[in-house]
Amino acid sequence: LATYLQELKRADQEFMFKLETIKNGR
């Protein structure tokens, strides 16, 4: 996922995303 978003940002400087994560039981 991170690589995918990074590539999109490289191709489109105005590309915007907001990613949120959450901690699992481990």
PDB file of all heavy atoms in Angstrom:
ATOM      1  N   LEU A   1       0.812  -1.210   0.000  1.00  0.00           N
ATOM      2  CA  LEU A   1       0.000   0.000   0.000  1.00  0.00           C
ATOM      3  C   LEU A   1       0.849   1.265   0.000  1.00  0.00           C
ATOM      4  O   LEU A   1       0.601   2.192  -0.766  1.00  0.00           O
ATOM      5  CB  LEU A   1      -0.942  -0.004   1.211  1.00  0.00           C
ATOM      6  CG  LEU A   1      -1.921   1.169   1.303  1.00  0.00           C
ATOM      7  CD1 LEU A   1      -2.784   1.247   0.045  1.00  0.00           C
ATOM      8  CD2 LEU A   1      -2.813   1.015   2.527  1.00  0.00           C
ATOM      9  N   ALA A   2       1.864   1.305   0.862  1.00  0.00           N
ATOM     10  CA  ALA A   2       2.722   2.490   0.942  1.00  0.00           C
ATOM     11  C   ALA A   2       3.438   2.733  -0.382  1.00  0.00           C
ATOM     12  O   ALA A   2       3.551   3.878  -0.849  1.00  0.00           O
ATOM     13  CB  ALA A   2       3.728   2.325   2.079  1.00  0.00           C
ATOM     14  N   THR A   3       3.918   1.664  -1.017  1.00  0.00           N
ATOM     15  CA  THR A   3       4.609   1.788  -2.305  1.00  0.00           C
ATOM     16  C   THR A   3       3.655   2.298  -3.377  1.00  0.00           C
ATOM     17  O   THR A   3       4.019   3.134  -4.214  1.00  0.00           O
ATOM     18  CB  THR A   3       5.181   0.428  -2.730  1.00  0.00           C
ATOM     19  OG1 THR A   3       6.028  -0.061  -1.691  1.00  0.00           O
ATOM     20  CG2 THR A   3       5.977   0.553  -4.010  1.00  0.00           C
ATOM     21  N   TYR A   4       2.437   1.803  -3.350  1.00  0.00           N
ATOM     22  CA  TYR A   4       1.415   2.227  -4.306  1.00  0.00           C
ATOM     23  C   TYR A   4       1.124   3.718  -4.170  1.00  0.00           C
ATOM     24  O   TYR A   4       1.094   4.462  -5.160  1.00  0.00           O
ATOM     25  CB  TYR A   4       0.154   1.404  -4.071  1.00  0.00           C
ATOM     26  CG  TYR A   4      -1.062   1.873  -4.825  1.00  0.00           C
ATOM     27  CD1 TYR A   4      -1.157   1.729  -6.208  1.00  0.00           C
ATOM     28  CD2 TYR A   4      -2.130   2.449  -4.146  1.00  0.00           C
ATOM     29  CE1 TYR A   4      -2.282   2.161  -6.899  1.00  0.00           C
ATOM     30  CE2 TYR A   4      -3.262   2.877  -4.829  1.00  0.00           C
ATOM     31  CZ  TYR A   4      -3.333   2.729  -6.204  1.00  0.00           C
ATOM     32  OH  TYR A   4      -4.440   3.160  -6.875  1.00  0.00           O
ATOM     33  N   LEU A   5       0.950   4.182  -2.949  1.00  0.00           N
ATOM     34  CA  LEU A   5       0.657   5.598  -2.711  1.00  0.00           C
ATOM     35  C   LEU A   5       1.846   6.475  -3.086  1.00  0.00           C
ATOM     36  O   LEU A   5       1.681   7.571  -3.631  1.00  0.00           O
ATOM     37  CB  LEU A   5       0.294   5.807  -1.239  1.00  0.00           C
ATOM     38  CG  LEU A   5      -1.020   5.149  -0.783  1.00  0.00           C
ATOM     39  CD1 LEU A   5      -1.189   5.304   0.719  1.00  0.00           C
ATOM     40  CD2 LEU A   5      -2.221   5.745  -1.514  1.00  0.00           C
ATOM     41  N   GLN A   6       3.042   5.994  -2.815  1.00  0.00           N
ATOM     42  CA  GLN A   6       4.250   6.743  -3.166  1.00  0.00           C
ATOM     43  C   GLN A   6       4.374   6.908  -4.677  1.00  0.00           C
ATOM     44  O   GLN A   6       4.746   7.967  -5.172  1.00  0.00           O
ATOM     45  CB  GLN A   6       5.488   6.029  -2.617  1.00  0.00           C
ATOM     46  CG  GLN A   6       6.789   6.788  -2.848  1.00  0.00           C
ATOM     47  CD  GLN A   6       7.979   6.066  -2.240  1.00  0.00           C
ATOM     48  OE1 GLN A   6       7.846   4.984  -1.687  1.00  0.00           O
ATOM     49  NE2 GLN A   6       9.149   6.665  -2.350  1.00  0.00           N
ATOM     50  N   GLU A   7       4.047   5.865  -5.416  1.00  0.00           N
ATOM     51  CA  GLU A   7       4.117   5.927  -6.870  1.00  0.00           C
ATOM     52  C   GLU A   7       3.068   6.883  -7.427  1.00  0.00           C
ATOM     53  O   GLU A   7       3.332   7.629  -8.377  1.00  0.00           O
ATOM     54  CB  GLU A   7       3.922   4.525  -7.456  1.00  0.00           C
ATOM     55  CG  GLU A   7       4.009   4.450  -8.968  1.00  0.00           C
ATOM     56  CD  GLU A   7       5.361   4.872  -9.517  1.00  0.00           C
ATOM     57  OE1 GLU A   7       6.344   4.857  -8.745  1.00  0.00           O
ATOM     58  OE2 GLU A   7       5.435   5.227 -10.712  1.00  0.00           O
ATOM     59  N   LEU A   8       1.883   6.879  -6.854  1.00  0.00           N
ATOM     60  CA  LEU A   8       0.853   7.817  -7.282  1.00  0.00           C
ATOM     61  C   LEU A   8       1.288   9.257  -7.029  1.00  0.00           C
ATOM     62  O   LEU A   8       1.065  10.146  -7.853  1.00  0.00           O
ATOM     63  CB  LEU A   8      -0.458   7.531  -6.542  1.00  0.00           C
ATOM     64  CG  LEU A   8      -1.219   6.270  -6.955  1.00  0.00           C
ATOM     65  CD1 LEU A   8      -2.426   6.065  -6.056  1.00  0.00           C
ATOM     66  CD2 LEU A   8      -1.677   6.354  -8.416  1.00  0.00           C
ATOM     67  N   LYS A   9       1.918   9.487  -5.902  1.00  0.00           N
ATOM     68  CA  LYS A   9       2.399  10.830  -5.571  1.00  0.00           C
ATOM     69  C   LYS A   9       3.495  11.262  -6.528  1.00  0.00           C
ATOM     70  O   LYS A   9       3.586  12.437  -6.896  1.00  0.00           O
ATOM     71  CB  LYS A   9       2.913  10.843  -4.123  1.00  0.00           C
ATOM     72  CG  LYS A   9       3.225  12.230  -3.598  1.00  0.00           C
ATOM     73  CD  LYS A   9       1.965  13.061  -3.424  1.00  0.00           C
ATOM     74  CE  LYS A   9       2.248  14.408  -2.806  1.00  0.00           C
ATOM     75  NZ  LYS A   9       1.023  15.234  -2.683  1.00  0.00           N
ATOM     76  N   ARG A  10       4.335  10.328  -6.938  1.00  0.00           N
ATOM     77  CA  ARG A  10       5.399  10.646  -7.894  1.00  0.00           C
ATOM     78  C   ARG A  10       4.824  11.032  -9.247  1.00  0.00           C
ATOM     79  O   ARG A  10       5.305  11.950  -9.910  1.00  0.00           O
ATOM     80  CB  ARG A  10       6.318   9.434  -8.059  1.00  0.00           C
ATOM     81  CG  ARG A  10       7.529   9.688  -8.963  1.00  0.00           C
ATOM     82  CD  ARG A  10       8.215   8.393  -9.346  1.00  0.00           C
ATOM     83  NE  ARG A  10       7.339   7.572 -10.169  1.00  0.00           N
ATOM     84  CZ  ARG A  10       7.170   7.782 -11.484  1.00  0.00           C
ATOM     85  NH1 ARG A  10       7.788   8.795 -12.093  1.00  0.00           N
ATOM     86  NH2 ARG A  10       6.378   7.001 -12.170  1.00  0.00           N
ATOM     87  N   ALA A  11       3.756  10.332  -9.666  1.00  0.00           N
ATOM     88  CA  ALA A  11       3.152  10.596 -10.970  1.00  0.00           C
ATOM     89  C   ALA A  11       2.272  11.846 -10.970  1.00  0.00           C
ATOM     90  O   ALA A  11       2.106  12.490 -11.994  1.00  0.00           O
ATOM     91  CB  ALA A  11       2.333   9.377 -11.404  1.00  0.00           C
ATOM     92  N   ASP A  12       1.713  12.190  -9.817  1.00  0.00           N
ATOM     93  CA  ASP A  12       0.803  13.332  -9.718  1.00  0.00           C
ATOM     94  C   ASP A  12       1.131  14.101  -8.439  1.00  0.00           C
ATOM     95  O   ASP A  12       0.761  13.700  -7.350  1.00  0.00           O
ATOM     96  CB  ASP A  12      -0.641  12.834  -9.695  1.00  0.00           C
ATOM     97  CG  ASP A  12      -1.665  13.970  -9.608  1.00  0.00           C
ATOM     98  OD1 ASP A  12      -1.257  15.147  -9.587  1.00  0.00           O
ATOM     99  OD2 ASP A  12      -2.869  13.675  -9.559  1.00  0.00           O
ATOM    100  N   GLN A  13       1.830  15.220  -8.586  1.00  0.00           N
ATOM    101  CA  GLN A  13       2.275  15.984  -7.428  1.00  0.00           C
ATOM    102  C   GLN A  13       1.112  16.520  -6.601  1.00  0.00           C
ATOM    103  O   GLN A  13       1.252  16.764  -5.399  1.00  0.00           O
ATOM    104  CB  GLN A  13       3.174  17.147  -7.873  1.00  0.00           C
ATOM    105  CG  GLN A  13       4.487  16.706  -8.514  1.00  0.00           C
ATOM    106  CD  GLN A  13       5.358  15.927  -7.549  1.00  0.00           C
ATOM    107  OE1 GLN A  13       5.497  16.274  -6.375  1.00  0.00           O
ATOM    108  NE2 GLN A  13       5.953  14.842  -8.036  1.00  0.00           N
ATOM    109  N   GLU A  14      -0.034  16.710  -7.223  1.00  0.00           N
ATOM    110  CA  GLU A  14      -1.205  17.219  -6.520  1.00  0.00           C
ATOM    111  C   GLU A  14      -2.105  16.102  -5.998  1.00  0.00           C
ATOM    112  O   GLU A  14      -3.174  16.362  -5.466  1.00  0.00           O
ATOM    113  CB  GLU A  14      -2.011  18.138  -7.450  1.00  0.00           C
ATOM    114  CG  GLU A  14      -1.243  19.368  -7.909  1.00  0.00           C
ATOM    115  CD  GLU A  14      -0.800  20.244  -6.746  1.00  0.00           C
ATOM    116  OE1 GLU A  14      -1.575  20.378  -5.779  1.00  0.00           O
ATOM    117  OE2 GLU A  14       0.312  20.784  -6.809  1.00  0.00           O
ATOM    118  N   PHE A  15      -1.683  14.865  -6.193  1.00  0.00           N
ATOM    119  CA  PHE A  15      -2.437  13.730  -5.666  1.00  0.00           C
ATOM    120  C   PHE A  15      -2.495  13.832  -4.143  1.00  0.00           C
ATOM    121  O   PHE A  15      -1.500  14.100  -3.484  1.00  0.00           O
ATOM    122  CB  PHE A  15      -1.757  12.424  -6.087  1.00  0.00           C
ATOM    123  CG  PHE A  15      -2.218  11.209  -5.335  1.00  0.00           C
ATOM    124  CD1 PHE A  15      -3.473  10.670  -5.568  1.00  0.00           C
ATOM    125  CD2 PHE A  15      -1.401  10.609  -4.386  1.00  0.00           C
ATOM    126  CE1 PHE A  15      -3.899   9.543  -4.878  1.00  0.00           C
ATOM    127  CE2 PHE A  15      -1.820   9.486  -3.693  1.00  0.00           C
ATOM    128  CZ  PHE A  15      -3.072   8.948  -3.941  1.00  0.00           C
ATOM    129  N   MET A  16      -3.680  13.633  -3.586  1.00  0.00           N
ATOM    130  CA  MET A  16      -3.847  13.753  -2.152  1.00  0.00           C
ATOM    131  C   MET A  16      -4.395  12.460  -1.571  1.00  0.00           C
ATOM    132  O   MET A  16      -5.288  11.837  -2.156  1.00  0.00           O
ATOM    133  CB  MET A  16      -4.810  14.891  -1.809  1.00  0.00           C
ATOM    134  CG  MET A  16      -4.812  15.268  -0.330  1.00  0.00           C
ATOM    135  SD  MET A  16      -6.191  16.359   0.112  1.00  0.00           S
ATOM    136  CE  MET A  16      -7.447  15.167   0.541  1.00  0.00           C
ATOM    137  N   PHE A  17      -3.834  12.044  -0.452  1.00  0.00           N
ATOM    138  CA  PHE A  17      -4.370  10.879   0.234  1.00  0.00           C
ATOM    139  C   PHE A  17      -4.218  11.071   1.736  1.00  0.00           C
ATOM    140  O   PHE A  17      -3.376  11.836   2.215  1.00  0.00           O
ATOM    141  CB  PHE A  17      -3.651   9.590  -0.205  1.00  0.00           C
ATOM    142  CG  PHE A  17      -2.225   9.488   0.286  1.00  0.00           C
ATOM    143  CD1 PHE A  17      -1.933   8.901   1.515  1.00  0.00           C
ATOM    144  CD2 PHE A  17      -1.178   9.972  -0.488  1.00  0.00           C
ATOM    145  CE1 PHE A  17      -0.625   8.809   1.965  1.00  0.00           C
ATOM    146  CE2 PHE A  17       0.141   9.882  -0.040  1.00  0.00           C
ATOM    147  CZ  PHE A  17       0.414   9.296   1.189  1.00  0.00           C
ATOM    148  N   LYS A  18      -5.049  10.365   2.464  1.00  0.00           N
ATOM    149  CA  LYS A  18      -4.968  10.361   3.913  1.00  0.00           C
ATOM    150  C   LYS A  18      -5.125   8.923   4.372  1.00  0.00           C
ATOM    151  O   LYS A  18      -6.168   8.303   4.172  1.00  0.00           O
ATOM    152  CB  LYS A  18      -6.052  11.245   4.531  1.00  0.00           C
ATOM    153  CG  LYS A  18      -5.905  11.407   6.051  1.00  0.00           C
ATOM    154  CD  LYS A  18      -6.904  12.407   6.601  1.00  0.00           C
ATOM    155  CE  LYS A  18      -6.722  12.587   8.107  1.00  0.00           C
ATOM    156  NZ  LYS A  18      -7.697  13.558   8.666  1.00  0.00           N
ATOM    157  N   LEU A  19      -4.069   8.403   4.972  1.00  0.00           N
ATOM    158  CA  LEU A  19      -4.037   7.012   5.400  1.00  0.00           C
ATOM    159  C   LEU A  19      -4.008   6.944   6.921  1.00  0.00           C
ATOM    160  O   LEU A  19      -3.214   7.635   7.561  1.00  0.00           O
ATOM    161  CB  LEU A  19      -2.803   6.313   4.828  1.00  0.00           C
ATOM    162  CG  LEU A  19      -2.511   4.896   5.333  1.00  0.00           C
ATOM    163  CD1 LEU A  19      -3.621   3.938   4.914  1.00  0.00           C
ATOM    164  CD2 LEU A  19      -1.160   4.410   4.809  1.00  0.00           C
ATOM    165  N   GLU A  20      -4.865   6.127   7.483  1.00  0.00           N
ATOM    166  CA  GLU A  20      -4.875   5.927   8.929  1.00  0.00           C
ATOM    167  C   GLU A  20      -4.765   4.438   9.229  1.00  0.00           C
ATOM    168  O   GLU A  20      -5.355   3.601   8.541  1.00  0.00           O
ATOM    169  CB  GLU A  20      -6.148   6.499   9.555  1.00  0.00           C
ATOM    170  CG  GLU A  20      -6.188   8.018   9.537  1.00  0.00           C
ATOM    171  CD  GLU A  20      -7.268   8.594  10.437  1.00  0.00           C
ATOM    172  OE1 GLU A  20      -8.018   7.795  11.044  1.00  0.00           O
ATOM    173  OE2 GLU A  20      -7.367   9.832  10.542  1.00  0.00           O
ATOM    174  N   THR A  21      -3.983   4.137  10.255  1.00  0.00           N
ATOM    175  CA  THR A  21      -3.808   2.754  10.683  1.00  0.00           C
ATOM    176  C   THR A  21      -4.287   2.604  12.121  1.00  0.00           C
ATOM    177  O   THR A  21      -4.550   3.583  12.813  1.00  0.00           O
ATOM    178  CB  THR A  21      -2.320   2.342  10.596  1.00  0.00           C
ATOM    179  OG1 THR A  21      -1.538   3.203  11.442  1.00  0.00           O
ATOM    180  CG2 THR A  21      -1.819   2.448   9.165  1.00  0.00           C
ATOM    181  N   ILE A  22      -4.380   1.364  12.550  1.00  0.00           N
ATOM    182  CA  ILE A  22      -4.802   1.066  13.910  1.00  0.00           C
ATOM    183  C   ILE A  22      -3.994  -0.130  14.403  1.00  0.00           C
ATOM    184  O   ILE A  22      -3.598  -0.990  13.613  1.00  0.00           O
ATOM    185  CB  ILE A  22      -6.320   0.766  13.950  1.00  0.00           C
ATOM    186  CG1 ILE A  22      -6.806   0.675  15.388  1.00  0.00           C
ATOM    187  CG2 ILE A  22      -6.660  -0.483  13.156  1.00  0.00           C
ATOM    188  CD1 ILE A  22      -8.324   0.557  15.501  1.00  0.00           C
ATOM    189  N   LYS A  23      -3.709  -0.171  15.695  1.00  0.00           N
ATOM    190  CA  LYS A  23      -2.937  -1.283  16.244  1.00  0.00           C
ATOM    191  C   LYS A  23      -3.836  -2.494  16.455  1.00  0.00           C
ATOM    192  O   LYS A  23      -4.928  -2.395  16.997  1.00  0.00           O
ATOM    193  CB  LYS A  23      -2.292  -0.880  17.570  1.00  0.00           C
ATOM    194  CG  LYS A  23      -1.082   0.029  17.423  1.00  0.00           C
ATOM    195  CD  LYS A  23      -0.401   0.253  18.764  1.00  0.00           C
ATOM    196  CE  LYS A  23       0.851   1.110  18.611  1.00  0.00           C
ATOM    197  NZ  LYS A  23       1.538   1.303  19.907  1.00  0.00           N
ATOM    198  N   ASN A  24      -3.326  -3.659  16.013  1.00  0.00           N
ATOM    199  CA  ASN A  24      -4.078  -4.891  16.240  1.00  0.00           C
ATOM    200  C   ASN A  24      -3.720  -5.479  17.609  1.00  0.00           C
ATOM    201  O   ASN A  24      -3.018  -4.854  18.406  1.00  0.00           O
ATOM    202  CB  ASN A  24      -3.810  -5.906  15.121  1.00  0.00           C
ATOM    203  CG  ASN A  24      -2.334  -6.298  15.030  1.00  0.00           C
ATOM    204  OD1 ASN A  24      -1.542  -6.040  15.942  1.00  0.00           O
ATOM    205  ND2 ASN A  24      -1.976  -6.934  13.935  1.00  0.00           N
ATOM    206  N   GLY A  25      -4.184  -6.682  17.873  1.00  0.00           N
ATOM    207  CA  GLY A  25      -3.954  -7.297  19.178  1.00  0.00           C
ATOM    208  C   GLY A  25      -2.499  -7.572  19.479  1.00  0.00           C
ATOM    209  O   GLY A  25      -2.115  -7.722  20.650  1.00  0.00           O
ATOM    210  N   ARG A  26      -1.652  -7.626  18.439  1.00  0.00           N
ATOM    211  CA  ARG A  26      -0.217  -7.877  18.630  1.00  0.00           C
ATOM    212  C   ARG A  26       0.604  -6.595  18.653  1.00  0.00           C
ATOM    213  O   ARG A  26       1.828  -6.632  18.635  1.00  0.00           O
ATOM    214  CB  ARG A  26       0.299  -8.799  17.516  1.00  0.00           C
ATOM    215  CG  ARG A  26      -0.316 -10.196  17.554  1.00  0.00           C
ATOM    216  CD  ARG A  26       0.115 -11.010  16.355  1.00  0.00           C
ATOM    217  NE  ARG A  26      -0.426 -10.451  15.119  1.00  0.00           N
ATOM    218  CZ  ARG A  26      -0.132 -10.932  13.914  1.00  0.00           C
ATOM    219  NH1 ARG A  26       0.692 -11.951  13.793  1.00  0.00           N
ATOM    220  NH2 ARG A  26      -0.663 -10.386  12.849  1.00  0.00           N
TER     221      ARG A  26
END
